[in-house]
Amino acid sequence: MDRRLAFLIGVCLVAVLVTGNIPPSQAENYGTGDYPLGIAIGDLNWDGKPDLAVGNFGSNNVSVLLGNGDGTFQTAVNYGVGDVPLGVTIGDLDGDNDLDLAVANAGSSNVSVLLGNGDGTFQTAVNYGVGDGPFYLAIADLDGDSDLDLAVANYLGSNVSVLLGNGDGTFQDAVSYGVGDGSFSVAIGDLDGDNDLDLAVVIAGSNSVSVLLGNGDGTFQAAVNYGVGDGPSVVAIGDLNGDGKPDMAVTNRYSNSVSVLLGNGDGIFQAAVNYRVGSGPEFGTIGDLNGDGKPDMAVTNRYSKSVSVLLGNGDGTFQAAVNYRVGDEPMGVAIGDLDGDNDLDLAVANFGIDTVSVLLNNGDGTFPGVQELCDGLDNDCDGVIPVDEIDDDGDWWRECQGDCDDGNGTVYPGAPELCDGLDNDCNTLVDEDACSGEQIVDLSCPCNSSWRNHGDYVSCVAHAAEDQVHAGLISQQEKGAIVSARAKSGCGKKK
């Protein structure tokens, strides 16, 4: 196995072990294989009810969960594919009107095609070679012959492979097009309005998205790159501003944002505008979640265990993200009407706990499980403020802000280190030269910052309170009240 791929796998597994906990999700969870990653929605057994297909990174298989039509799903059935499957997609690859599966296998550098029997079961996978380390793939008729073809983003190969379909579920040899280092994902759409399908490929190594215009015969022109955020991962295509021209949205895992690039209709795109989401956004998709006819976005946040919903204004801009709790390490996300109420719902693959979360739409673009924020408020209206949001010792710091001992007012991030056998500043070190006798502090009057050589306790409190104002934790009025109260206390003078 390529060392870079091994490193990526190691990062994924370590992240599963070290990620912390947030309050439990109100989404319904369904078991999958090991470390599910990619997810797709389609009616796999012709009963008119949407089903799920999930690529399982850790168990080298794809899980099929047949839907009951009411938003619930049957137990997963697993089908073997190649090594380290990531992306999965659904389409009628052999022209028999039954939906088939295609899966990108990063570890074996191939694509598995599983032809559907029409009853929700699948034939044994047939593998087709592509570039090195494929992560993501998409299905469309790229050469205009009415047969579905495949486009595959090869992360380690730094290219995109095109496999033209023969119409019977088999494919021609892959033809690869160079893009850039770390081609993570691919999406398909007519980006220049000539009725030929084009490719958009995320290039993680250069923080960009490449556009390859199609010639209509399954071949493509040289890539043109557009800058996005830091650490881009997945691209989605849709008309985000209602002008009839395709636009792009790209998730950026390191800058915790999603970039929106509005299209001019000729294959050229405007500069990216970034919208804040949760921590570690990985996958994203586009759909009208609140039924107003304007496209919205859903983005999974790997490290904050949430999915962000950004409702669209219809002009290419978006409202602030609202985060909903799902399982540990959410990755793939798909949109579909899972309960038959004509509202679009969300299905999310939880890499860290081997499940899929299903979030049923309330009909207005909201979902169960609003994520709690570190603000001391009952954000999800369940009548409970999480214990890690309560400042138990009155030092203006909460556990969710990093207070490593919320039962001791002399312990919080940035506190002055004291000669008391404690890690006062929460940096994992105890006492840190604080026992030299140079500094003695009245422990009944804690301060949020280091003592100033020229100041007394009140000036220290004022300085600390101002830091809290800048952090958005208190207002200027609250700062004034705090400083006044501490000044009247008469304690904590520097000695």
Protein backbone atom coordinates (compact mmCIF):
# COMPACT_ATOMS: atom_id res chain seq x y z
CA MET A 1 0.00 0.00 0.00
CA ASP A 2 1.27 3.51 -0.83
CA ARG A 3 2.78 5.19 2.25
CA ARG A 4 0.69 8.32 1.72
CA LEU A 5 -2.49 6.28 1.71
CA ALA A 6 -1.31 4.38 4.80
CA PHE A 7 -0.72 7.71 6.51
CA LEU A 8 -4.23 8.91 5.65
CA ILE A 9 -5.72 5.69 7.00
CA GLY A 10 -3.72 6.11 10.20
CA VAL A 11 -4.96 9.66 10.64
CA CYS A 12 -8.54 8.47 10.22
CA LEU A 13 -8.15 5.73 12.82
CA VAL A 14 -6.36 7.96 15.34
CA ALA A 15 -9.05 10.60 14.97
CA VAL A 16 -11.69 8.02 15.86
CA LEU A 17 -9.89 7.33 19.12
CA VAL A 18 -9.16 10.87 20.27
CA THR A 19 -12.29 12.82 19.32
CA GLY A 20 -14.26 13.96 22.37
CA ASN A 21 -17.95 13.69 23.16
CA ILE A 22 -20.89 16.05 22.66
CA PRO A 23 -24.51 15.52 23.72
CA PRO A 24 -26.19 12.55 21.99
CA SER A 25 -27.84 13.00 18.62
CA GLN A 26 -31.61 13.06 18.20
CA ALA A 27 -31.13 11.49 14.77
CA GLU A 28 -31.98 7.82 14.26
CA ASN A 29 -28.87 5.67 13.76
CA TYR A 30 -28.52 2.45 11.75
CA GLY A 31 -25.59 0.05 11.77
CA THR A 32 -23.27 -0.33 8.77
CA GLY A 33 -19.90 -1.96 8.11
CA ASP A 34 -16.63 -0.73 9.61
CA TYR A 35 -15.83 2.98 9.25
CA PRO A 36 -18.55 4.05 6.79
CA LEU A 37 -17.58 6.96 4.59
CA GLY A 38 -19.41 7.51 1.28
CA ILE A 39 -23.23 7.37 1.08
CA ALA A 40 -25.84 7.53 -1.69
CA ILE A 41 -29.64 7.37 -1.89
CA GLY A 42 -31.76 5.57 -4.49
CA ASP A 43 -34.71 3.18 -4.90
CA LEU A 44 -32.73 -0.04 -5.14
CA ASN A 45 -35.64 -2.53 -5.00
CA TRP A 46 -38.33 -0.76 -7.06
CA ASP A 47 -40.80 -0.33 -4.19
CA GLY A 48 -40.97 3.46 -4.48
CA LYS A 49 -39.13 3.91 -1.17
CA PRO A 50 -35.61 5.36 -0.99
CA ASP A 51 -32.79 3.06 0.11
CA LEU A 52 -29.21 3.71 1.22
CA ALA A 53 -25.84 2.48 -0.05
CA VAL A 54 -22.78 3.09 2.13
CA GLY A 55 -19.10 2.48 1.38
CA ASN A 56 -17.29 1.01 4.40
CA PHE A 57 -13.65 2.10 4.54
CA GLY A 58 -12.64 -0.43 7.20
CA SER A 59 -14.43 -3.64 6.13
CA ASN A 60 -13.96 -3.49 2.34
CA ASN A 61 -17.65 -3.72 1.57
CA VAL A 62 -20.71 -1.66 0.78
CA SER A 63 -23.80 -1.74 3.01
CA VAL A 64 -27.29 -1.66 1.51
CA LEU A 65 -30.09 -0.53 3.85
CA LEU A 66 -33.54 -0.92 2.33
CA GLY A 67 -35.98 1.78 3.34
CA ASN A 68 -39.43 1.23 4.81
CA GLY A 69 -40.73 4.47 3.37
CA ASP A 70 -41.36 6.10 6.74
CA GLY A 71 -37.79 7.23 7.38
CA THR A 72 -36.74 3.96 8.99
CA PHE A 73 -34.47 1.33 7.45
CA GLN A 74 -33.94 -2.41 7.54
CA THR A 75 -30.77 -4.08 8.76
CA ALA A 76 -27.80 -3.55 6.48
CA VAL A 77 -26.75 -6.23 4.00
CA ASN A 78 -23.08 -6.07 2.99
CA TYR A 79 -21.48 -6.76 -0.39
CA GLY A 80 -17.74 -7.14 -0.90
CA VAL A 81 -15.86 -4.62 -3.03
CA GLY A 82 -12.17 -3.65 -3.37
CA ASP A 83 -9.72 -2.47 -0.72
CA VAL A 84 -10.52 0.66 1.31
CA PRO A 85 -13.75 1.77 -0.38
CA LEU A 86 -14.54 5.47 -0.06
CA GLY A 87 -16.97 7.08 -2.49
CA VAL A 88 -20.15 5.30 -3.63
CA THR A 89 -22.68 6.32 -6.26
CA ILE A 90 -25.87 4.91 -7.82
CA GLY A 91 -27.06 4.68 -11.43
CA ASP A 92 -28.47 2.33 -14.09
CA LEU A 93 -25.15 1.22 -15.56
CA ASP A 94 -26.42 -1.67 -17.73
CA GLY A 95 -29.64 -0.17 -19.12
CA ASP A 96 -32.06 -2.65 -17.52
CA ASN A 97 -33.84 0.06 -15.46
CA ASP A 98 -32.50 -1.45 -12.23
CA LEU A 99 -30.13 0.70 -10.20
CA ASP A 100 -26.52 -0.41 -9.86
CA LEU A 101 -23.64 0.63 -7.60
CA ALA A 102 -20.16 1.97 -8.33
CA VAL A 103 -17.59 2.24 -5.55
CA ALA A 104 -14.12 3.88 -5.52
CA ASN A 105 -11.53 1.68 -3.79
CA ALA A 106 -8.56 3.74 -2.60
CA GLY A 107 -6.50 0.77 -1.41
CA SER A 108 -6.72 -1.33 -4.59
CA SER A 109 -6.84 1.60 -7.07
CA ASN A 110 -9.93 0.40 -8.85
CA VAL A 111 -13.68 0.89 -9.12
CA SER A 112 -16.11 -1.86 -8.17
CA VAL A 113 -19.30 -2.14 -10.22
CA LEU A 114 -22.16 -4.12 -8.62
CA LEU A 115 -25.09 -4.69 -10.96
CA GLY A 116 -28.48 -4.64 -9.30
CA ASN A 117 -31.02 -7.43 -9.55
CA GLY A 118 -33.93 -5.01 -9.10
CA ASP A 119 -34.95 -6.42 -5.73
CA GLY A 120 -32.35 -4.62 -3.63
CA THR A 121 -29.76 -7.35 -4.00
CA PHE A 122 -26.60 -7.13 -6.09
CA GLN A 123 -24.32 -9.32 -8.15
CA THR A 124 -20.69 -9.91 -7.32
CA ALA A 125 -18.51 -6.86 -7.85
CA VAL A 126 -16.49 -6.48 -11.06
CA ASN A 127 -13.44 -4.25 -10.72
CA TYR A 128 -12.00 -1.76 -13.22
CA GLY A 129 -8.58 -0.20 -12.84
CA VAL A 130 -8.26 3.56 -12.48
CA GLY A 131 -5.54 5.90 -11.21
CA ASP A 132 -3.70 5.62 -7.92
CA GLY A 133 -5.77 5.95 -4.73
CA PRO A 134 -9.25 6.86 -6.02
CA PHE A 135 -11.37 8.68 -3.43
CA TYR A 136 -14.57 9.81 -5.12
CA LEU A 137 -16.56 9.18 -8.27
CA ALA A 138 -19.58 10.40 -10.23
CA ILE A 139 -21.89 8.94 -12.90
CA ALA A 140 -23.21 10.65 -16.06
CA ASP A 141 -23.39 10.24 -19.84
CA LEU A 142 -20.12 11.94 -20.73
CA ASP A 143 -19.98 11.07 -24.46
CA GLY A 144 -23.62 11.57 -25.45
CA ASP A 145 -24.36 7.95 -26.38
CA SER A 146 -27.08 7.51 -23.70
CA ASP A 147 -24.91 5.05 -21.77
CA LEU A 148 -23.71 6.05 -18.31
CA ASP A 149 -20.00 6.63 -17.80
CA LEU A 150 -17.79 7.09 -14.73
CA ALA A 151 -15.48 9.90 -13.64
CA VAL A 152 -13.13 9.07 -10.77
CA ALA A 153 -10.91 11.42 -8.73
CA ASN A 154 -7.58 9.73 -7.95
CA TYR A 155 -6.09 11.34 -4.85
CA LEU A 156 -2.66 9.72 -5.02
CA GLY A 157 -2.50 9.78 -8.81
CA SER A 158 -3.26 13.52 -8.98
CA ASN A 159 -5.58 12.94 -11.90
CA VAL A 160 -9.15 12.12 -12.86
CA SER A 161 -10.02 8.90 -14.71
CA VAL A 162 -12.87 8.64 -17.22
CA LEU A 163 -14.34 5.19 -17.94
CA LEU A 164 -16.79 5.20 -20.83
CA GLY A 165 -19.66 2.74 -20.44
CA ASN A 166 -20.59 0.14 -23.02
CA GLY A 167 -24.24 0.21 -21.96
CA ASP A 168 -24.24 -3.33 -20.60
CA GLY A 169 -22.63 -2.57 -17.24
CA THR A 170 -19.07 -3.02 -18.53
CA PHE A 171 -16.60 -0.22 -19.12
CA GLN A 172 -13.74 0.65 -21.41
CA ASP A 173 -10.23 1.17 -20.08
CA ALA A 174 -9.78 4.30 -18.02
CA VAL A 175 -8.36 7.43 -19.64
CA SER A 176 -6.78 9.81 -17.13
CA TYR A 177 -6.46 13.59 -17.20
CA GLY A 178 -3.89 15.39 -15.09
CA VAL A 179 -5.21 17.94 -12.65
CA GLY A 180 -3.07 18.54 -9.54
CA ASP A 181 -1.72 17.04 -6.36
CA GLY A 182 -4.42 15.43 -4.24
CA SER A 183 -7.47 15.20 -6.52
CA PHE A 184 -10.02 14.45 -3.82
CA SER A 185 -13.46 14.53 -5.43
CA VAL A 186 -15.27 15.08 -8.71
CA ALA A 187 -18.66 16.43 -9.79
CA ILE A 188 -20.29 16.55 -13.23
CA GLY A 189 -22.36 19.29 -14.87
CA ASP A 190 -22.70 21.41 -18.01
CA LEU A 191 -20.56 24.29 -16.78
CA ASP A 192 -20.24 26.22 -20.05
CA GLY A 193 -23.76 25.86 -21.50
CA ASP A 194 -22.81 23.91 -24.63
CA ASN A 195 -24.89 20.82 -23.68
CA ASP A 196 -21.73 18.78 -23.17
CA LEU A 197 -20.94 17.64 -19.64
CA ASP A 198 -17.87 18.98 -17.87
CA LEU A 199 -15.90 17.99 -14.76
CA ALA A 200 -15.10 19.84 -11.55
CA VAL A 201 -12.32 18.26 -9.49
CA VAL A 202 -11.14 19.30 -6.02
CA ILE A 203 -7.34 19.64 -5.81
CA ALA A 204 -6.45 19.41 -2.13
CA GLY A 205 -2.74 20.05 -2.66
CA SER A 206 -3.24 23.52 -4.15
CA ASN A 207 -6.43 24.56 -2.35
CA SER A 208 -8.29 24.78 -5.62
CA VAL A 209 -11.00 23.29 -7.80
CA SER A 210 -10.17 22.34 -11.39
CA VAL A 211 -12.65 22.74 -14.24
CA LEU A 212 -12.21 20.44 -17.26
CA LEU A 213 -14.56 21.36 -20.09
CA GLY A 214 -15.94 18.41 -22.05
CA ASN A 215 -15.70 18.02 -25.82
CA GLY A 216 -18.92 16.01 -25.97
CA ASP A 217 -17.23 12.76 -26.96
CA GLY A 218 -16.01 11.75 -23.51
CA THR A 219 -12.72 13.60 -23.80
CA PHE A 220 -11.82 16.76 -21.90
CA GLN A 221 -9.79 19.93 -22.24
CA ALA A 222 -6.94 20.95 -19.96
CA ALA A 223 -7.85 21.87 -16.41
CA VAL A 224 -8.33 25.46 -15.26
CA ASN A 225 -7.99 26.05 -11.52
CA TYR A 226 -9.94 28.31 -9.15
CA GLY A 227 -8.88 29.03 -5.58
CA VAL A 228 -11.02 27.94 -2.65
CA GLY A 229 -10.43 27.55 1.11
CA ASP A 230 -7.78 25.61 3.01
CA GLY A 231 -7.89 21.82 2.64
CA PRO A 232 -10.75 21.41 0.14
CA SER A 233 -12.40 18.02 -0.03
CA VAL A 234 -15.76 17.70 -1.83
CA VAL A 235 -17.33 19.74 -4.64
CA ALA A 236 -21.03 19.93 -5.50
CA ILE A 237 -22.66 21.61 -8.51
CA GLY A 238 -26.00 23.46 -8.59
CA ASP A 239 -27.64 26.71 -9.64
CA LEU A 240 -27.22 28.58 -6.38
CA ASN A 241 -28.32 32.04 -7.51
CA GLY A 242 -31.21 31.18 -9.84
CA ASP A 243 -29.66 32.55 -13.04
CA GLY A 244 -29.77 29.24 -14.88
CA LYS A 245 -25.98 28.87 -14.77
CA PRO A 246 -24.27 26.16 -12.73
CA ASP A 247 -22.32 27.21 -9.64
CA MET A 248 -19.99 25.26 -7.36
CA ALA A 249 -19.76 24.70 -3.61
CA VAL A 250 -16.59 23.24 -2.04
CA THR A 251 -16.05 22.10 1.55
CA ASN A 252 -12.76 23.19 3.17
CA ARG A 253 -11.75 20.95 6.08
CA TYR A 254 -8.89 23.08 7.45
CA SER A 255 -10.52 26.52 7.22
CA ASN A 256 -13.87 25.23 8.54
CA SER A 257 -15.76 26.75 5.66
CA VAL A 258 -17.60 26.08 2.42
CA SER A 259 -16.60 28.07 -0.67
CA VAL A 260 -19.25 29.21 -3.13
CA LEU A 261 -18.09 29.99 -6.69
CA LEU A 262 -20.78 31.51 -8.90
CA GLY A 263 -20.60 30.52 -12.55
CA ASN A 264 -20.72 32.93 -15.49
CA GLY A 265 -22.28 30.26 -17.69
CA ASP A 266 -19.27 29.98 -20.00
CA GLY A 267 -17.19 27.66 -17.86
CA ILE A 268 -15.60 30.54 -15.98
CA PHE A 269 -16.25 31.15 -12.27
CA GLN A 270 -16.14 34.16 -9.99
CA ALA A 271 -13.89 34.34 -6.94
CA ALA A 272 -14.91 32.13 -4.06
CA VAL A 273 -17.00 33.48 -1.18
CA ASN A 274 -16.58 31.49 2.04
CA TYR A 275 -19.22 30.60 4.64
CA ARG A 276 -18.39 29.34 8.10
CA VAL A 277 -19.53 25.85 9.12
CA GLY A 278 -18.48 23.44 11.87
CA SER A 279 -15.09 21.92 12.64
CA GLY A 280 -13.49 19.78 9.93
CA PRO A 281 -16.09 19.92 7.13
CA GLU A 282 -15.64 17.00 4.75
CA PHE A 283 -18.62 16.24 2.51
CA GLY A 284 -21.31 18.56 1.21
CA THR A 285 -24.39 18.41 -0.98
CA ILE A 286 -27.03 20.74 -2.39
CA GLY A 287 -30.85 20.56 -2.22
CA ASP A 288 -33.94 22.60 -1.40
CA LEU A 289 -34.30 21.73 2.27
CA ASN A 290 -36.97 24.26 3.27
CA GLY A 291 -39.20 24.05 0.19
CA ASP A 292 -38.82 27.67 -0.89
CA GLY A 293 -37.44 26.83 -4.34
CA LYS A 294 -33.97 28.08 -3.42
CA PRO A 295 -31.01 25.70 -3.15
CA ASP A 296 -29.59 25.06 0.33
CA MET A 297 -26.46 23.24 1.46
CA ALA A 298 -25.76 20.45 3.94
CA VAL A 299 -22.17 19.91 5.13
CA THR A 300 -20.79 17.26 7.50
CA ASN A 301 -18.37 18.45 10.19
CA ARG A 302 -16.06 15.63 11.11
CA TYR A 303 -14.63 16.97 14.35
CA SER A 304 -17.68 18.75 15.79
CA LYS A 305 -19.89 15.70 15.19
CA SER A 306 -22.51 17.67 13.35
CA VAL A 307 -24.04 18.49 10.00
CA SER A 308 -24.36 22.16 9.06
CA VAL A 309 -27.43 23.35 7.17
CA LEU A 310 -27.04 26.64 5.28
CA LEU A 311 -30.32 27.91 3.88
CA GLY A 312 -29.96 29.74 0.60
CA ASN A 313 -31.26 33.24 -0.11
CA GLY A 314 -31.70 32.45 -3.79
CA ASP A 315 -29.07 34.95 -4.95
CA GLY A 316 -26.02 32.79 -4.31
CA THR A 317 -25.64 33.91 -0.70
CA PHE A 318 -26.46 31.82 2.35
CA GLN A 319 -27.70 32.31 5.88
CA ALA A 320 -25.52 31.41 8.85
CA ALA A 321 -25.06 27.68 9.36
CA VAL A 322 -27.24 25.85 11.87
CA ASN A 323 -25.55 22.72 13.23
CA TYR A 324 -27.34 19.46 14.03
CA ARG A 325 -25.85 16.63 16.05
CA VAL A 326 -25.12 13.31 14.41
CA GLY A 327 -22.69 10.51 15.27
CA ASP A 328 -18.92 10.47 15.75
CA GLU A 329 -16.83 11.59 12.77
CA PRO A 330 -19.60 12.25 10.22
CA MET A 331 -18.36 12.02 6.65
CA GLY A 332 -20.63 11.35 3.66
CA VAL A 333 -24.01 13.08 3.43
CA ALA A 334 -26.90 12.56 1.01
CA ILE A 335 -30.25 14.29 0.54
CA GLY A 336 -33.56 12.59 -0.26
CA ASP A 337 -37.20 12.30 0.82
CA LEU A 338 -36.72 9.34 3.14
CA ASP A 339 -40.16 9.33 4.82
CA GLY A 340 -42.44 10.18 1.90
CA ASP A 341 -43.67 13.56 3.20
CA ASN A 342 -42.26 15.54 0.23
CA ASP A 343 -39.62 17.20 2.41
CA LEU A 344 -35.94 16.45 1.80
CA ASP A 345 -34.18 14.60 4.63
CA LEU A 346 -30.52 13.91 5.41
CA ALA A 347 -28.55 10.68 5.69
CA VAL A 348 -25.06 10.91 7.19
CA ALA A 349 -22.34 8.24 7.38
CA ASN A 350 -20.70 8.28 10.84
CA PHE A 351 -17.14 7.06 10.32
CA GLY A 352 -16.38 6.88 14.04
CA ILE A 353 -19.23 4.68 15.26
CA ASP A 354 -20.13 2.53 12.22
CA THR A 355 -23.60 3.95 11.72
CA VAL A 356 -25.74 6.06 9.44
CA SER A 357 -27.70 8.92 11.01
CA VAL A 358 -31.07 9.76 9.48
CA LEU A 359 -32.37 13.28 10.16
CA LEU A 360 -35.98 13.79 9.12
CA ASN A 361 -36.90 17.28 7.98
CA ASN A 362 -39.43 19.24 10.00
CA GLY A 363 -40.67 20.70 6.72
CA ASP A 364 -39.00 24.08 7.07
CA GLY A 365 -35.36 23.16 6.66
CA THR A 366 -34.84 22.43 10.34
CA PHE A 367 -33.98 19.04 11.78
CA PRO A 368 -33.98 17.34 15.18
CA GLY A 369 -30.88 17.65 17.30
CA VAL A 370 -29.77 21.30 17.19
CA GLN A 371 -26.20 21.20 18.44
CA GLU A 372 -25.44 22.75 21.79
CA LEU A 373 -23.00 25.68 21.75
CA CYS A 374 -20.48 26.54 24.44
CA ASP A 375 -22.52 29.53 25.60
CA GLY A 376 -24.30 28.47 28.81
CA LEU A 377 -27.67 28.36 27.02
CA ASP A 378 -30.17 25.58 26.28
CA ASN A 379 -29.64 25.75 22.51
CA ASP A 380 -31.64 22.64 21.63
CA CYS A 381 -34.57 23.54 23.91
CA ASP A 382 -34.52 20.22 25.73
CA GLY A 383 -34.75 21.90 29.14
CA VAL A 384 -31.16 21.04 30.05
CA ILE A 385 -27.99 23.11 29.94
CA PRO A 386 -25.07 20.68 29.49
CA VAL A 387 -22.89 20.46 32.57
CA ASP A 388 -19.76 21.41 30.66
CA GLU A 389 -21.35 24.77 29.79
CA ILE A 390 -21.92 25.76 33.43
CA ASP A 391 -19.21 27.80 35.19
CA ASP A 392 -19.27 25.92 38.49
CA ASP A 393 -16.41 27.79 40.20
CA GLY A 394 -17.18 31.33 39.04
CA ASP A 395 -13.90 31.97 37.24
CA TRP A 396 -15.69 32.93 33.97
CA TRP A 397 -14.44 29.79 32.25
CA ARG A 398 -16.45 26.68 31.36
CA GLU A 399 -15.27 23.12 30.78
CA CYS A 400 -16.27 23.39 27.14
CA GLN A 401 -13.91 26.38 26.88
CA GLY A 402 -11.03 24.31 28.22
CA ASP A 403 -11.33 24.75 32.00
CA CYS A 404 -9.54 21.60 33.17
CA ASP A 405 -10.90 21.87 36.75
CA ASP A 406 -14.21 23.70 36.95
CA GLY A 407 -14.36 23.07 40.67
CA ASN A 408 -11.40 25.31 41.47
CA GLY A 409 -11.46 29.02 40.73
CA THR A 410 -7.66 29.21 40.44
CA VAL A 411 -7.61 26.77 37.52
CA TYR A 412 -8.54 27.77 33.96
CA PRO A 413 -6.72 28.41 30.65
CA GLY A 414 -4.29 31.29 31.04
CA ALA A 415 -4.52 31.46 34.84
CA PRO A 416 -1.35 32.49 36.74
CA GLU A 417 0.59 29.41 37.79
CA LEU A 418 0.65 29.10 41.59
CA CYS A 419 2.82 27.10 43.96
CA ASP A 420 -0.08 24.85 44.95
CA GLY A 421 0.54 21.50 43.27
CA LEU A 422 -2.05 22.20 40.58
CA ASP A 423 -1.95 22.82 36.85
CA ASN A 424 -3.45 26.28 37.20
CA ASP A 425 -3.18 27.32 33.55
CA CYS A 426 -4.39 23.99 32.12
CA ASN A 427 -1.28 23.39 30.04
CA THR A 428 -0.64 19.92 31.62
CA LEU A 429 2.35 21.23 33.66
CA VAL A 430 2.19 21.64 37.45
CA ASP A 431 3.61 24.66 39.31
CA GLU A 432 6.00 25.71 36.49
CA ASP A 433 8.57 27.77 38.45
CA ALA A 434 5.79 29.17 40.62
CA CYS A 435 7.43 28.01 43.86
CA SER A 436 10.36 30.47 43.77
CA GLY A 437 8.64 32.79 46.23
CA GLU A 438 8.54 35.70 43.80
CA GLN A 439 4.77 35.76 43.51
CA ILE A 440 2.14 35.20 46.18
CA VAL A 441 -1.54 35.59 45.36
CA ASP A 442 -4.66 35.63 47.50
CA LEU A 443 -6.38 32.44 46.25
CA SER A 444 -9.81 33.77 47.15
CA CYS A 445 -9.56 36.32 44.33
CA PRO A 446 -8.58 34.50 41.11
CA CYS A 447 -7.57 36.45 38.03
CA ASN A 448 -7.87 35.43 34.37
CA SER A 449 -4.42 36.62 33.26
CA SER A 450 -0.84 36.99 34.42
CA TRP A 451 0.01 39.75 36.93
CA ARG A 452 1.34 42.91 35.38
CA ASN A 453 4.47 44.40 36.89
CA HIS A 454 2.86 47.80 37.17
CA GLY A 455 -0.67 46.83 38.10
CA ASP A 456 -2.74 45.68 41.04
CA TYR A 457 -5.55 43.14 41.19
CA VAL A 458 -8.22 45.43 39.80
CA SER A 459 -6.21 46.28 36.68
CA CYS A 460 -5.58 42.57 36.20
CA VAL A 461 -9.32 41.86 36.40
CA ALA A 462 -10.04 44.66 33.93
CA HIS A 463 -7.50 43.23 31.52
CA ALA A 464 -8.95 39.74 31.85
CA ALA A 465 -12.52 40.96 31.44
CA GLU A 466 -11.57 42.82 28.28
CA ASP A 467 -10.23 39.53 26.89
CA GLN A 468 -13.65 38.01 27.59
CA VAL A 469 -15.33 40.89 25.73
CA HIS A 470 -13.14 40.28 22.67
CA ALA A 471 -13.97 36.59 22.83
CA GLY A 472 -17.67 37.44 22.73
CA LEU A 473 -18.35 35.88 26.13
CA ILE A 474 -19.46 39.03 27.96
CA SER A 475 -20.58 42.54 26.99
CA GLN A 476 -18.83 45.83 27.81
CA GLN A 477 -21.59 46.52 30.33
CA GLU A 478 -20.96 43.18 32.02
CA LYS A 479 -17.24 43.95 32.06
CA GLY A 480 -17.88 47.19 33.91
CA ALA A 481 -19.99 45.43 36.54
CA ILE A 482 -17.32 42.76 37.08
CA VAL A 483 -14.50 45.26 37.50
CA SER A 484 -16.58 47.41 39.87
CA ALA A 485 -17.51 44.42 42.03
CA ARG A 486 -13.93 43.19 42.25
CA ALA A 487 -12.64 46.65 43.09
CA LYS A 488 -15.06 46.89 46.00
CA SER A 489 -13.95 43.48 47.31
CA GLY A 490 -10.56 44.88 48.29
CA CYS A 491 -8.84 41.50 47.95
CA GLY A 492 -6.13 40.03 45.82
CA LYS A 493 -3.63 42.88 45.93
CA LYS A 494 -0.22 42.03 44.58
CA LYS A 495 2.26 41.44 47.40
